[in-house]
Amino acid sequence: MREDWASQAADTIEHVVGLVRDRTVVPARAAAKAVVYGLLAGAFVAVATVLVVIAFFRGAFIVTGRVWGAYLWTGAILVIAGIVCWTRRAPRNRETSS
């Protein structure tokens, strides 16, 4: 009888520890992976964007033959991209806080 109680207690403790681990560690690990992979992807996208802008500038310089032409085209495209992003932004919630 005593051995049966000891094995039941051990099984219960093992079950509770497994349940706690499944409800705490597993979601925390998944969230940490999502944050790390998101930051890594963001860094890659930022570097790729800078390299694309540099490549476009170099190409515009080759095509126009003048530095101001490359600046003009690169600036125009970046301003247009900024305007597009500005128009697609979420509107502000206009609650009065007075």
PDB file of N, CA and C in Angstrom:
ATOM      1  N   MET A   1       0.814  -1.184   0.000  1.00  0.00           N
ATOM      2  CA  MET A   1       0.000   0.000   0.000  1.00  0.00           C
ATOM      3  C   MET A   1       0.863   1.255   0.000  1.00  0.00           C
ATOM      4  N   ARG A   2       1.959   1.217   0.758  1.00  0.00           N
ATOM      5  CA  ARG A   2       2.829   2.385   0.865  1.00  0.00           C
ATOM      6  C   ARG A   2       3.501   2.668  -0.482  1.00  0.00           C
ATOM      7  N   GLU A   3       3.929   1.640  -1.208  1.00  0.00           N
ATOM      8  CA  GLU A   3       4.568   1.826  -2.507  1.00  0.00           C
ATOM      9  C   GLU A   3       3.583   2.421  -3.512  1.00  0.00           C
ATOM     10  N   ASP A   4       2.350   2.018  -3.459  1.00  0.00           N
ATOM     11  CA  ASP A   4       1.339   2.537  -4.367  1.00  0.00           C
ATOM     12  C   ASP A   4       1.128   4.033  -4.135  1.00  0.00           C
ATOM     13  N   TRP A   5       1.112   4.463  -2.866  1.00  0.00           N
ATOM     14  CA  TRP A   5       0.942   5.879  -2.541  1.00  0.00           C
ATOM     15  C   TRP A   5       2.124   6.692  -3.035  1.00  0.00           C
ATOM     16  N   ALA A   6       3.311   6.188  -2.896  1.00  0.00           N
ATOM     17  CA  ALA A   6       4.515   6.897  -3.336  1.00  0.00           C
ATOM     18  C   ALA A   6       4.534   7.060  -4.853  1.00  0.00           C
ATOM     19  N   SER A   7       4.169   6.037  -5.572  1.00  0.00           N
ATOM     20  CA  SER A   7       4.162   6.144  -7.036  1.00  0.00           C
ATOM     21  C   SER A   7       3.046   7.081  -7.499  1.00  0.00           C
ATOM     22  N   GLN A   8       1.913   7.066  -6.817  1.00  0.00           N
ATOM     23  CA  GLN A   8       0.834   7.996  -7.176  1.00  0.00           C
ATOM     24  C   GLN A   8       1.256   9.448  -6.922  1.00  0.00           C
ATOM     25  N   ALA A   9       1.929   9.683  -5.811  1.00  0.00           N
ATOM     26  CA  ALA A   9       2.394  11.031  -5.497  1.00  0.00           C
ATOM     27  C   ALA A   9       3.421  11.482  -6.529  1.00  0.00           C
ATOM     28  N   ALA A  10       4.323  10.607  -6.899  1.00  0.00           N
ATOM     29  CA  ALA A  10       5.325  10.952  -7.904  1.00  0.00           C
ATOM     30  C   ALA A  10       4.668  11.234  -9.254  1.00  0.00           C
ATOM     31  N   ASP A  11       3.699  10.413  -9.631  1.00  0.00           N
ATOM     32  CA  ASP A  11       2.985  10.636 -10.892  1.00  0.00           C
ATOM     33  C   ASP A  11       2.214  11.952 -10.869  1.00  0.00           C
ATOM     34  N   THR A  12       1.594  12.258  -9.745  1.00  0.00           N
ATOM     35  CA  THR A  12       0.841  13.511  -9.623  1.00  0.00           C
ATOM     36  C   THR A  12       1.781  14.715  -9.724  1.00  0.00           C
ATOM     37  N   ILE A  13       2.905  14.652  -9.040  1.00  0.00           N
ATOM     38  CA  ILE A  13       3.873  15.745  -9.105  1.00  0.00           C
ATOM     39  C   ILE A  13       4.395  15.904 -10.520  1.00  0.00           C
ATOM     40  N   GLU A  14       4.703  14.794 -11.180  1.00  0.00           N
ATOM     41  CA  GLU A  14       5.193  14.850 -12.552  1.00  0.00           C
ATOM     42  C   GLU A  14       4.137  15.435 -13.486  1.00  0.00           C
ATOM     43  N   HIS A  15       2.880  15.075 -13.278  1.00  0.00           N
ATOM     44  CA  HIS A  15       1.788  15.602 -14.094  1.00  0.00           C
ATOM     45  C   HIS A  15       1.625  17.115 -13.883  1.00  0.00           C
ATOM     46  N   VAL A  16       1.674  17.556 -12.629  1.00  0.00           N
ATOM     47  CA  VAL A  16       1.516  18.978 -12.328  1.00  0.00           C
ATOM     48  C   VAL A  16       2.682  19.783 -12.899  1.00  0.00           C
ATOM     49  N   VAL A  17       3.883  19.290 -12.754  1.00  0.00           N
ATOM     50  CA  VAL A  17       5.047  19.988 -13.297  1.00  0.00           C
ATOM     51  C   VAL A  17       4.952  20.066 -14.822  1.00  0.00           C
ATOM     52  N   GLY A  18       4.557  18.994 -15.465  1.00  0.00           N
ATOM     53  CA  GLY A  18       4.381  18.997 -16.921  1.00  0.00           C
ATOM     54  C   GLY A  18       3.295  19.968 -17.359  1.00  0.00           C
ATOM     55  N   LEU A  19       2.207  20.016 -16.604  1.00  0.00           N
ATOM     56  CA  LEU A  19       1.113  20.934 -16.917  1.00  0.00           C
ATOM     57  C   LEU A  19       1.549  22.392 -16.771  1.00  0.00           C
ATOM     58  N   VAL A  20       2.262  22.690 -15.705  1.00  0.00           N
ATOM     59  CA  VAL A  20       2.760  24.053 -15.497  1.00  0.00           C
ATOM     60  C   VAL A  20       3.743  24.428 -16.592  1.00  0.00           C
ATOM     61  N   ARG A  21       4.616  23.508 -16.953  1.00  0.00           N
ATOM     62  CA  ARG A  21       5.579  23.779 -18.019  1.00  0.00           C
ATOM     63  C   ARG A  21       4.864  24.033 -19.340  1.00  0.00           C
ATOM     64  N   ASP A  22       3.853  23.232 -19.649  1.00  0.00           N
ATOM     65  CA  ASP A  22       3.122  23.406 -20.899  1.00  0.00           C
ATOM     66  C   ASP A  22       2.381  24.741 -20.957  1.00  0.00           C
ATOM     67  N   ARG A  23       1.970  25.239 -19.820  1.00  0.00           N
ATOM     68  CA  ARG A  23       1.206  26.494 -19.801  1.00  0.00           C
ATOM     69  C   ARG A  23       2.068  27.733 -19.625  1.00  0.00           C
ATOM     70  N   THR A  24       3.327  27.576 -19.253  1.00  0.00           N
ATOM     71  CA  THR A  24       4.183  28.746 -19.044  1.00  0.00           C
ATOM     72  C   THR A  24       5.381  28.763 -19.976  1.00  0.00           C
ATOM     73  N   VAL A  25       6.178  27.731 -19.950  1.00  0.00           N
ATOM     74  CA  VAL A  25       7.438  27.729 -20.695  1.00  0.00           C
ATOM     75  C   VAL A  25       7.206  27.645 -22.199  1.00  0.00           C
ATOM     76  N   VAL A  26       6.282  26.811 -22.626  1.00  0.00           N
ATOM     77  CA  VAL A  26       6.059  26.632 -24.064  1.00  0.00           C
ATOM     78  C   VAL A  26       5.566  27.930 -24.716  1.00  0.00           C
ATOM     79  N   PRO A  27       4.551  28.628 -24.166  1.00  0.00           N
ATOM     80  CA  PRO A  27       4.160  29.910 -24.788  1.00  0.00           C
ATOM     81  C   PRO A  27       5.253  30.976 -24.698  1.00  0.00           C
ATOM     82  N   ALA A  28       5.995  30.998 -23.600  1.00  0.00           N
ATOM     83  CA  ALA A  28       7.076  31.982 -23.474  1.00  0.00           C
ATOM     84  C   ALA A  28       8.162  31.713 -24.503  1.00  0.00           C
ATOM     85  N   ARG A  29       8.470  30.465 -24.741  1.00  0.00           N
ATOM     86  CA  ARG A  29       9.472  30.116 -25.749  1.00  0.00           C
ATOM     87  C   ARG A  29       8.994  30.512 -27.143  1.00  0.00           C
ATOM     88  N   ALA A  30       7.711  30.275 -27.434  1.00  0.00           N
ATOM     89  CA  ALA A  30       7.170  30.648 -28.743  1.00  0.00           C
ATOM     90  C   ALA A  30       7.182  32.167 -28.919  1.00  0.00           C
ATOM     91  N   ALA A  31       6.842  32.901 -27.873  1.00  0.00           N
ATOM     92  CA  ALA A  31       6.857  34.364 -27.960  1.00  0.00           C
ATOM     93  C   ALA A  31       8.280  34.879 -28.145  1.00  0.00           C
ATOM     94  N   ALA A  32       9.226  34.295 -27.443  1.00  0.00           N
ATOM     95  CA  ALA A  32      10.625  34.719 -27.583  1.00  0.00           C
ATOM     96  C   ALA A  32      11.136  34.440 -28.994  1.00  0.00           C
ATOM     97  N   LYS A  33      10.772  33.293 -29.554  1.00  0.00           N
ATOM     98  CA  LYS A  33      11.173  32.986 -30.933  1.00  0.00           C
ATOM     99  C   LYS A  33      10.576  33.991 -31.901  1.00  0.00           C
ATOM    100  N   ALA A  34       9.303  34.337 -31.704  1.00  0.00           N
ATOM    101  CA  ALA A  34       8.648  35.296 -32.593  1.00  0.00           C
ATOM    102  C   ALA A  34       9.333  36.657 -32.518  1.00  0.00           C
ATOM    103  N   VAL A  35       9.687  37.091 -31.327  1.00  0.00           N
ATOM    104  CA  VAL A  35      10.360  38.385 -31.175  1.00  0.00           C
ATOM    105  C   VAL A  35      11.732  38.356 -31.834  1.00  0.00           C
ATOM    106  N   VAL A  36      12.495  37.310 -31.601  1.00  0.00           N
ATOM    107  CA  VAL A  36      13.845  37.225 -32.170  1.00  0.00           C
ATOM    108  C   VAL A  36      13.789  37.151 -33.691  1.00  0.00           C
ATOM    109  N   TYR A  37      12.911  36.308 -34.230  1.00  0.00           N
ATOM    110  CA  TYR A  37      12.818  36.192 -35.684  1.00  0.00           C
ATOM    111  C   TYR A  37      12.273  37.477 -36.300  1.00  0.00           C
ATOM    112  N   GLY A  38      11.358  38.146 -35.617  1.00  0.00           N
ATOM    113  CA  GLY A  38      10.843  39.415 -36.114  1.00  0.00           C
ATOM    114  C   GLY A  38      11.912  40.489 -36.159  1.00  0.00           C
ATOM    115  N   LEU A  39      12.722  40.584 -35.105  1.00  0.00           N
ATOM    116  CA  LEU A  39      13.815  41.560 -35.099  1.00  0.00           C
ATOM    117  C   LEU A  39      14.850  41.232 -36.168  1.00  0.00           C
ATOM    118  N   LEU A  40      15.141  39.960 -36.335  1.00  0.00           N
ATOM    119  CA  LEU A  40      16.100  39.550 -37.357  1.00  0.00           C
ATOM    120  C   LEU A  40      15.584  39.880 -38.752  1.00  0.00           C
ATOM    121  N   ALA A  41      14.322  39.581 -39.001  1.00  0.00           N
ATOM    122  CA  ALA A  41      13.733  39.899 -40.308  1.00  0.00           C
ATOM    123  C   ALA A  41      13.697  41.407 -40.522  1.00  0.00           C
ATOM    124  N   GLY A  42      13.391  42.164 -39.483  1.00  0.00           N
ATOM    125  CA  GLY A  42      13.388  43.623 -39.599  1.00  0.00           C
ATOM    126  C   GLY A  42      14.763  44.171 -39.934  1.00  0.00           C
ATOM    127  N   ALA A  43      15.790  43.607 -39.318  1.00  0.00           N
ATOM    128  CA  ALA A  43      17.155  44.043 -39.616  1.00  0.00           C
ATOM    129  C   ALA A  43      17.514  43.729 -41.065  1.00  0.00           C
ATOM    130  N   PHE A  44      17.146  42.535 -41.530  1.00  0.00           N
ATOM    131  CA  PHE A  44      17.425  42.174 -42.923  1.00  0.00           C
ATOM    132  C   PHE A  44      16.693  43.090 -43.888  1.00  0.00           C
ATOM    133  N   VAL A  45      15.448  43.408 -43.594  1.00  0.00           N
ATOM    134  CA  VAL A  45      14.666  44.288 -44.474  1.00  0.00           C
ATOM    135  C   VAL A  45      15.268  45.692 -44.480  1.00  0.00           C
ATOM    136  N   ALA A  46      15.701  46.179 -43.333  1.00  0.00           N
ATOM    137  CA  ALA A  46      16.303  47.515 -43.270  1.00  0.00           C
ATOM    138  C   ALA A  46      17.585  47.573 -44.094  1.00  0.00           C
ATOM    139  N   VAL A  47      18.435  46.568 -43.950  1.00  0.00           N
ATOM    140  CA  VAL A  47      19.688  46.538 -44.720  1.00  0.00           C
ATOM    141  C   VAL A  47      19.391  46.407 -46.207  1.00  0.00           C
ATOM    142  N   ALA A  48      18.444  45.559 -46.563  1.00  0.00           N
ATOM    143  CA  ALA A  48      18.094  45.395 -47.978  1.00  0.00           C
ATOM    144  C   ALA A  48      17.535  46.686 -48.560  1.00  0.00           C
ATOM    145  N   THR A  49      16.735  47.408 -47.784  1.00  0.00           N
ATOM    146  CA  THR A  49      16.184  48.680 -48.264  1.00  0.00           C
ATOM    147  C   THR A  49      17.286  49.696 -48.517  1.00  0.00           C
ATOM    148  N   VAL A  50      18.224  49.799 -47.607  1.00  0.00           N
ATOM    149  CA  VAL A  50      19.341  50.736 -47.787  1.00  0.00           C
ATOM    150  C   VAL A  50      20.154  50.353 -49.019  1.00  0.00           C
ATOM    151  N   LEU A  51      20.417  49.071 -49.196  1.00  0.00           N
ATOM    152  CA  LEU A  51      21.198  48.637 -50.359  1.00  0.00           C
ATOM    153  C   LEU A  51      20.456  48.891 -51.670  1.00  0.00           C
ATOM    154  N   VAL A  52      19.139  48.714 -51.675  1.00  0.00           N
ATOM    155  CA  VAL A  52      18.356  48.980 -52.888  1.00  0.00           C
ATOM    156  C   VAL A  52      18.378  50.468 -53.214  1.00  0.00           C
ATOM    157  N   VAL A  53      18.252  51.322 -52.202  1.00  0.00           N
ATOM    158  CA  VAL A  53      18.300  52.763 -52.443  1.00  0.00           C
ATOM    159  C   VAL A  53      19.679  53.167 -52.972  1.00  0.00           C
ATOM    160  N   ILE A  54      20.728  52.612 -52.410  1.00  0.00           N
ATOM    161  CA  ILE A  54      22.082  52.915 -52.893  1.00  0.00           C
ATOM    162  C   ILE A  54      22.254  52.446 -54.335  1.00  0.00           C
ATOM    163  N   ALA A  55      21.771  51.240 -54.631  1.00  0.00           N
ATOM    164  CA  ALA A  55      21.881  50.722 -55.999  1.00  0.00           C
ATOM    165  C   ALA A  55      21.082  51.579 -56.972  1.00  0.00           C
ATOM    166  N   PHE A  56      19.897  52.019 -56.559  1.00  0.00           N
ATOM    167  CA  PHE A  56      19.104  52.883 -57.425  1.00  0.00           C
ATOM    168  C   PHE A  56      19.813  54.206 -57.671  1.00  0.00           C
ATOM    169  N   PHE A  57      20.399  54.762 -56.614  1.00  0.00           N
ATOM    170  CA  PHE A  57      21.133  56.026 -56.763  1.00  0.00           C
ATOM    171  C   PHE A  57      22.295  55.866 -57.734  1.00  0.00           C
ATOM    172  N   ARG A  58      23.034  54.780 -57.589  1.00  0.00           N
ATOM    173  CA  ARG A  58      24.172  54.549 -58.498  1.00  0.00           C
ATOM    174  C   ARG A  58      23.686  54.383 -59.938  1.00  0.00           C
ATOM    175  N   GLY A  59      22.585  53.628 -60.099  1.00  0.00           N
ATOM    176  CA  GLY A  59      22.024  53.462 -61.441  1.00  0.00           C
ATOM    177  C   GLY A  59      21.524  54.766 -62.020  1.00  0.00           C
ATOM    178  N   ALA A  60      20.889  55.588 -61.191  1.00  0.00           N
ATOM    179  CA  ALA A  60      20.407  56.889 -61.672  1.00  0.00           C
ATOM    180  C   ALA A  60      21.579  57.787 -62.049  1.00  0.00           C
ATOM    181  N   PHE A  61      22.664  57.696 -61.315  1.00  0.00           N
ATOM    182  CA  PHE A  61      23.849  58.487 -61.666  1.00  0.00           C
ATOM    183  C   PHE A  61      24.422  58.040 -63.006  1.00  0.00           C
ATOM    184  N   ILE A  62      24.445  56.730 -63.234  1.00  0.00           N
ATOM    185  CA  ILE A  62      24.970  56.211 -64.508  1.00  0.00           C
ATOM    186  C   ILE A  62      24.073  56.644 -65.663  1.00  0.00           C
ATOM    187  N   VAL A  63      22.747  56.583 -65.459  1.00  0.00           N
ATOM    188  CA  VAL A  63      21.815  56.928 -66.530  1.00  0.00           C
ATOM    189  C   VAL A  63      21.839  58.424 -66.820  1.00  0.00           C
ATOM    190  N   THR A  64      21.790  59.262 -65.781  1.00  0.00           N
ATOM    191  CA  THR A  64      21.722  60.708 -66.000  1.00  0.00           C
ATOM    192  C   THR A  64      23.091  61.320 -66.271  1.00  0.00           C
ATOM    193  N   GLY A  65      24.133  60.753 -65.696  1.00  0.00           N
ATOM    194  CA  GLY A  65      25.472  61.294 -65.883  1.00  0.00           C
ATOM    195  C   GLY A  65      25.778  62.479 -64.982  1.00  0.00           C
ATOM    196  N   ARG A  66      24.821  62.876 -64.183  1.00  0.00           N
ATOM    197  CA  ARG A  66      25.015  64.008 -63.277  1.00  0.00           C
ATOM    198  C   ARG A  66      24.533  63.613 -61.882  1.00  0.00           C
ATOM    199  N   VAL A  67      25.245  64.127 -60.884  1.00  0.00           N
ATOM    200  CA  VAL A  67      24.894  63.795 -59.505  1.00  0.00           C
ATOM    201  C   VAL A  67      23.541  64.385 -59.139  1.00  0.00           C
ATOM    202  N   TRP A  68      23.261  65.612 -59.583  1.00  0.00           N
ATOM    203  CA  TRP A  68      21.997  66.227 -59.191  1.00  0.00           C
ATOM    204  C   TRP A  68      20.815  65.464 -59.784  1.00  0.00           C
ATOM    205  N   GLY A  69      21.008  64.866 -60.950  1.00  0.00           N
ATOM    206  CA  GLY A  69      19.933  64.059 -61.542  1.00  0.00           C
ATOM    207  C   GLY A  69      19.644  62.816 -60.701  1.00  0.00           C
ATOM    208  N   ALA A  70      20.704  62.190 -60.189  1.00  0.00           N
ATOM    209  CA  ALA A  70      20.524  61.019 -59.331  1.00  0.00           C
ATOM    210  C   ALA A  70      19.830  61.409 -58.036  1.00  0.00           C
ATOM    211  N   TYR A  71      20.256  62.551 -57.459  1.00  0.00           N
ATOM    212  CA  TYR A  71      19.598  63.031 -56.242  1.00  0.00           C
ATOM    213  C   TYR A  71      18.131  63.359 -56.514  1.00  0.00           C
ATOM    214  N   LEU A  72      17.849  63.960 -57.664  1.00  0.00           N
ATOM    215  CA  LEU A  72      16.478  64.329 -58.010  1.00  0.00           C
ATOM    216  C   LEU A  72      15.593  63.096 -58.121  1.00  0.00           C
ATOM    217  N   TRP A  73      16.037  62.091 -58.870  1.00  0.00           N
ATOM    218  CA  TRP A  73      15.227  60.895 -59.049  1.00  0.00           C
ATOM    219  C   TRP A  73      15.069  60.108 -57.752  1.00  0.00           C
ATOM    220  N   THR A  74      16.154  59.951 -57.028  1.00  0.00           N
ATOM    221  CA  THR A  74      16.086  59.211 -55.755  1.00  0.00           C
ATOM    222  C   THR A  74      15.195  59.946 -54.764  1.00  0.00           C
ATOM    223  N   GLY A  75      15.367  61.250 -54.654  1.00  0.00           N
ATOM    224  CA  GLY A  75      14.533  62.037 -53.756  1.00  0.00           C
ATOM    225  C   GLY A  75      13.074  61.994 -54.138  1.00  0.00           C
ATOM    226  N   ALA A  76      12.782  62.088 -55.433  1.00  0.00           N
ATOM    227  CA  ALA A  76      11.397  62.057 -55.897  1.00  0.00           C
ATOM    228  C   ALA A  76      10.735  60.727 -55.552  1.00  0.00           C
ATOM    229  N   ILE A  77      11.442  59.643 -55.771  1.00  0.00           N
ATOM    230  CA  ILE A  77      10.856  58.330 -55.470  1.00  0.00           C
ATOM    231  C   ILE A  77      10.649  58.161 -53.970  1.00  0.00           C
ATOM    232  N   LEU A  78      11.602  58.615 -53.165  1.00  0.00           N
ATOM    233  CA  LEU A  78      11.444  58.494 -51.716  1.00  0.00           C
ATOM    234  C   LEU A  78      10.324  59.391 -51.195  1.00  0.00           C
ATOM    235  N   VAL A  79      10.167  60.583 -51.778  1.00  0.00           N
ATOM    236  CA  VAL A  79       9.067  61.463 -51.375  1.00  0.00           C
ATOM    237  C   VAL A  79       7.727  60.832 -51.758  1.00  0.00           C
ATOM    238  N   ILE A  80       7.627  60.265 -52.936  1.00  0.00           N
ATOM    239  CA  ILE A  80       6.388  59.603 -53.350  1.00  0.00           C
ATOM    240  C   ILE A  80       6.085  58.411 -52.437  1.00  0.00           C
ATOM    241  N   ALA A  81       7.115  57.645 -52.093  1.00  0.00           N
ATOM    242  CA  ALA A  81       6.904  56.519 -51.164  1.00  0.00           C
ATOM    243  C   ALA A  81       6.442  57.031 -49.799  1.00  0.00           C
ATOM    244  N   GLY A  82       6.996  58.146 -49.338  1.00  0.00           N
ATOM    245  CA  GLY A  82       6.558  58.732 -48.082  1.00  0.00           C
ATOM    246  C   GLY A  82       5.122  59.206 -48.135  1.00  0.00           C
ATOM    247  N   ILE A  83       4.726  59.818 -49.258  1.00  0.00           N
ATOM    248  CA  ILE A  83       3.339  60.267 -49.406  1.00  0.00           C
ATOM    249  C   ILE A  83       2.388  59.084 -49.405  1.00  0.00           C
ATOM    250  N   VAL A  84       2.758  58.011 -50.092  1.00  0.00           N
ATOM    251  CA  VAL A  84       1.908  56.813 -50.103  1.00  0.00           C
ATOM    252  C   VAL A  84       1.762  56.244 -48.697  1.00  0.00           C
ATOM    253  N   CYS A  85       2.864  56.163 -47.968  1.00  0.00           N
ATOM    254  CA  CYS A  85       2.788  55.663 -46.582  1.00  0.00           C
ATOM    255  C   CYS A  85       1.955  56.591 -45.714  1.00  0.00           C
ATOM    256  N   TRP A  86       2.071  57.894 -45.912  1.00  0.00           N
ATOM    257  CA  TRP A  86       1.319  58.862 -45.115  1.00  0.00           C
ATOM    258  C   TRP A  86      -0.183  58.738 -45.371  1.00  0.00           C
ATOM    259  N   THR A  87      -0.569  58.515 -46.622  1.00  0.00           N
ATOM    260  CA  THR A  87      -1.995  58.397 -46.921  1.00  0.00           C
ATOM    261  C   THR A  87      -2.573  57.071 -46.438  1.00  0.00           C
ATOM    262  N   ARG A  88      -1.748  56.058 -46.253  1.00  0.00           N
ATOM    263  CA  ARG A  88      -2.233  54.748 -45.805  1.00  0.00           C
ATOM    264  C   ARG A  88      -2.202  54.586 -44.291  1.00  0.00           C
ATOM    265  N   ARG A  89      -1.752  55.597 -43.575  1.00  0.00           N
ATOM    266  CA  ARG A  89      -1.661  55.491 -42.117  1.00  0.00           C
ATOM    267  C   ARG A  89      -3.052  55.424 -41.502  1.00  0.00           C
ATOM    268  N   ALA A  90      -3.113  54.888 -40.306  1.00  0.00           N
ATOM    269  CA  ALA A  90      -4.386  54.784 -39.589  1.00  0.00           C
ATOM    270  C   ALA A  90      -4.759  56.157 -39.041  1.00  0.00           C
ATOM    271  N   PRO A  91      -6.022  56.539 -39.167  1.00  0.00           N
ATOM    272  CA  PRO A  91      -6.420  57.841 -38.637  1.00  0.00           C
ATOM    273  C   PRO A  91      -6.350  57.858 -37.115  1.00  0.00           C
ATOM    274  N   ARG A  92      -6.081  59.024 -36.581  1.00  0.00           N
ATOM    275  CA  ARG A  92      -5.990  59.196 -35.140  1.00  0.00           C
ATOM    276  C   ARG A  92      -7.369  59.182 -34.525  1.00  0.00           C
ATOM    277  N   ASN A  93      -7.473  58.663 -33.328  1.00  0.00           N
ATOM    278  CA  ASN A  93      -8.733  58.688 -32.597  1.00  0.00           C
ATOM    279  C   ASN A  93      -8.912  60.096 -32.041  1.00  0.00           C
ATOM    280  N   ARG A  94      -9.927  60.804 -32.440  1.00  0.00           N
ATOM    281  CA  ARG A  94     -10.093  62.213 -32.090  1.00  0.00           C
ATOM    282  C   ARG A  94     -11.022  62.380 -30.885  1.00  0.00           C
ATOM    283  N   GLU A  95     -10.584  61.894 -29.752  1.00  0.00           N
ATOM    284  CA  GLU A  95     -11.346  62.097 -28.522  1.00  0.00           C
ATOM    285  C   GLU A  95     -10.831  63.347 -27.838  1.00  0.00           C
ATOM    286  N   THR A  96     -11.735  64.132 -27.327  1.00  0.00           N
ATOM    287  CA  THR A  96     -11.316  65.323 -26.592  1.00  0.00           C
ATOM    288  C   THR A  96     -11.012  64.928 -25.163  1.00  0.00           C
ATOM    289  N   SER A  97      -9.867  65.344 -24.673  1.00  0.00           N
ATOM    290  CA  SER A  97      -9.450  64.975 -23.333  1.00  0.00           C
ATOM    291  C   SER A  97      -9.504  66.163 -22.375  1.00  0.00           C
ATOM    292  N   SER A  98     -10.352  67.154 -22.664  1.00  0.00           N
ATOM    293  CA  SER A  98     -10.425  68.313 -21.766  1.00  0.00           C
ATOM    294  C   SER A  98     -11.481  68.171 -20.713  1.00  0.00           C
TER     295      SER A  98
END
